[in-house]
Protein backbone atom coordinates (compact mmCIF):
# COMPACT_ATOMS: atom_id res chain seq x y z
CA MET A 1 99.47 79.49 82.08
CA GLU A 2 100.91 82.81 82.74
CA LYS A 3 99.33 84.68 85.59
CA ASP A 4 99.42 88.49 85.04
CA ILE A 5 100.65 90.82 87.68
CA ASP A 6 97.81 93.43 88.14
CA LEU A 7 99.22 95.54 91.29
CA VAL A 8 102.67 96.40 92.46
CA LEU A 9 103.15 98.31 95.86
CA LEU A 10 106.27 100.11 95.92
CA VAL A 11 107.71 100.84 99.33
CA ASP A 12 110.58 103.34 99.53
CA ASP A 13 111.04 106.55 101.34
CA ASN A 14 113.07 107.80 98.41
CA ASP A 15 111.16 109.62 95.98
CA THR A 16 113.57 109.66 93.15
CA ASP A 17 113.86 105.84 93.55
CA ASN A 18 109.98 105.45 93.56
CA PHE A 19 109.88 107.51 90.41
CA ILE A 20 112.55 105.33 88.60
CA SER A 21 111.02 102.10 89.62
CA LYS A 22 107.38 103.27 88.69
CA ARG A 23 108.46 104.41 85.60
CA ILE A 24 110.33 101.18 84.83
CA ILE A 25 107.36 99.10 85.58
CA GLU A 26 105.04 101.18 83.37
CA ILE A 27 107.60 101.00 80.26
CA THR A 28 107.94 97.33 80.57
CA LYS A 29 104.44 96.67 81.31
CA PHE A 30 105.38 94.53 84.21
CA ALA A 31 102.19 95.46 86.17
CA GLN A 32 98.85 96.92 85.26
CA ARG A 33 98.83 99.27 88.24
CA VAL A 34 101.44 100.67 90.52
CA GLU A 35 100.56 101.96 94.10
CA VAL A 36 103.50 103.92 95.81
CA ARG A 37 104.02 104.39 99.59
CA ASN A 38 107.07 106.14 100.99
CA SER A 39 107.07 104.60 104.31
CA GLY A 40 106.63 101.15 105.98
CA LYS A 41 103.94 102.45 108.02
CA SER A 42 101.95 103.80 105.32
CA ALA A 43 102.25 100.57 103.36
CA LEU A 44 101.04 98.61 106.38
CA GLN A 45 98.14 100.77 106.68
CA TYR A 46 97.49 100.38 102.83
CA LEU A 47 97.33 96.66 103.38
CA GLU A 48 95.22 96.70 106.38
CA GLN A 49 92.58 98.85 104.42
CA HIS A 50 92.46 96.57 101.72
CA GLN A 51 92.92 93.00 103.46
CA ASP A 52 89.23 91.97 102.55
CA ASP A 53 89.42 93.44 98.92
CA PRO A 54 91.71 91.07 97.09
CA ALA A 55 91.48 93.25 93.62
CA ASN A 56 93.36 96.02 95.56
CA LEU A 57 96.02 93.81 97.00
CA PRO A 58 99.30 93.81 95.48
CA ASP A 59 100.66 90.86 93.79
CA ILE A 60 104.24 92.01 94.30
CA ILE A 61 105.58 94.20 96.83
CA PHE A 62 108.92 95.93 96.10
CA LEU A 63 110.18 96.75 99.66
CA ASP A 64 113.19 98.99 100.76
CA ILE A 65 115.05 97.77 103.77
CA ASN A 66 116.53 101.24 104.92
CA MET A 67 113.76 103.51 105.77
CA PRO A 68 113.17 105.65 108.86
CA ILE A 69 110.88 104.43 111.79
CA VAL A 70 109.24 101.41 109.72
CA ASP A 71 112.06 99.69 108.15
CA GLY A 72 112.15 96.66 105.94
CA PHE A 73 112.62 94.22 108.76
CA VAL A 74 109.80 95.95 110.92
CA PHE A 75 107.39 95.71 108.00
CA LEU A 76 108.46 92.15 107.37
CA PHE A 77 107.64 91.47 111.06
CA GLU A 78 104.09 93.48 111.00
CA PHE A 79 103.22 91.53 107.84
CA GLU A 80 103.46 88.22 109.53
CA LEU A 81 100.29 89.37 111.51
CA PHE A 82 98.19 89.85 108.34
CA PRO A 83 95.49 87.02 107.64
CA GLU A 84 97.00 84.00 105.50
CA LYS A 85 94.96 84.76 102.54
CA LEU A 86 96.66 88.24 102.26
CA LYS A 87 100.07 86.81 102.78
CA LYS A 88 99.64 84.31 99.95
CA LYS A 89 98.37 87.02 97.53
CA CYS A 90 101.32 89.45 98.21
CA ASN A 91 104.99 88.39 97.17
CA ILE A 92 107.69 90.62 98.68
CA VAL A 93 110.74 91.58 96.80
CA ILE A 94 113.40 93.30 98.43
CA LEU A 95 114.58 96.26 96.57
CA SER A 96 117.69 97.78 98.05
CA SER A 97 120.95 99.61 97.61
CA SER A 98 122.24 97.65 100.62
CA ASN A 99 124.50 94.83 99.79
CA ASN A 100 125.11 94.19 103.35
CA LYS A 101 125.40 90.33 103.69
CA ARG A 102 123.89 90.27 107.12
CA ASP A 103 120.87 92.05 106.03
CA ILE A 104 120.35 90.08 102.85
CA ALA A 105 120.77 86.88 105.14
CA ARG A 106 118.22 87.89 107.60
CA ILE A 107 115.91 88.63 104.56
CA VAL A 108 116.18 85.61 102.41
CA ASP A 109 115.19 83.48 105.11
CA ASN A 110 111.87 85.14 105.46
CA ASP A 111 109.17 82.75 103.78
CA HIS A 112 107.48 85.89 101.97
CA VAL A 113 110.26 87.29 100.42
CA ILE A 114 110.61 85.62 96.62
CA LYS A 115 113.76 87.86 95.74
CA PHE A 116 116.58 90.28 96.68
CA VAL A 117 117.17 93.03 93.84
CA THR A 118 119.71 95.59 94.16
CA LYS A 119 118.45 99.38 93.09
CA PRO A 120 117.99 100.76 90.68
CA LEU A 121 115.28 98.26 89.22
CA THR A 122 115.90 97.26 85.74
CA GLU A 123 114.12 95.53 82.96
CA SER A 124 116.42 92.50 83.67
CA SER A 125 115.55 92.30 87.15
CA LEU A 126 111.96 92.91 86.62
CA GLN A 127 112.07 89.77 83.88
CA ASP A 128 113.74 87.75 86.86
CA VAL A 129 111.13 88.69 89.32
CA SER A 130 108.26 87.82 86.83
CA LYS A 131 109.78 84.34 86.32
CA ILE A 132 109.89 83.64 90.09
CA TYR A 133 106.47 85.12 90.59
CA GLN A 134 105.16 82.91 87.94
CA GLN A 135 106.71 79.72 89.67
CA GLU A 136 105.21 80.84 93.14
CA ALA A 137 101.66 81.10 91.30
CA THR A 138 101.84 77.78 89.86
CA LYS A 139 102.95 76.45 93.36
CA GLN A 140 99.89 77.94 94.75
CA GLN A 141 97.12 76.35 92.23
């Protein structure tokens, strides 16, 4: 049984990238709702505020690596400190313009990262993410 993607959290300091990503998610009906945060810090605060409210926790977090102050690596480190039920619900997809092999290697080893996608987000990359999300959801049942 397919599990619908209700909420996506976009985390990127680039407003243009966020606009494009949000539009492609809406146009393709990839998710019911999209929340946008333009820093790793505000995304962590969002998760903290909603950690006891599963309906407002994202199914998928699209996370940029290169952001000022709280970058993708710091976000992933802080994410580890959240309760298990939050970490199980939120699947992280790295959405980055970086194709630095060392960055990619550091990230794909993270248990919570299900995919690495190069910007910009496309209908094709969303289909790939959806397939992986469905596989992860099936594993957790």
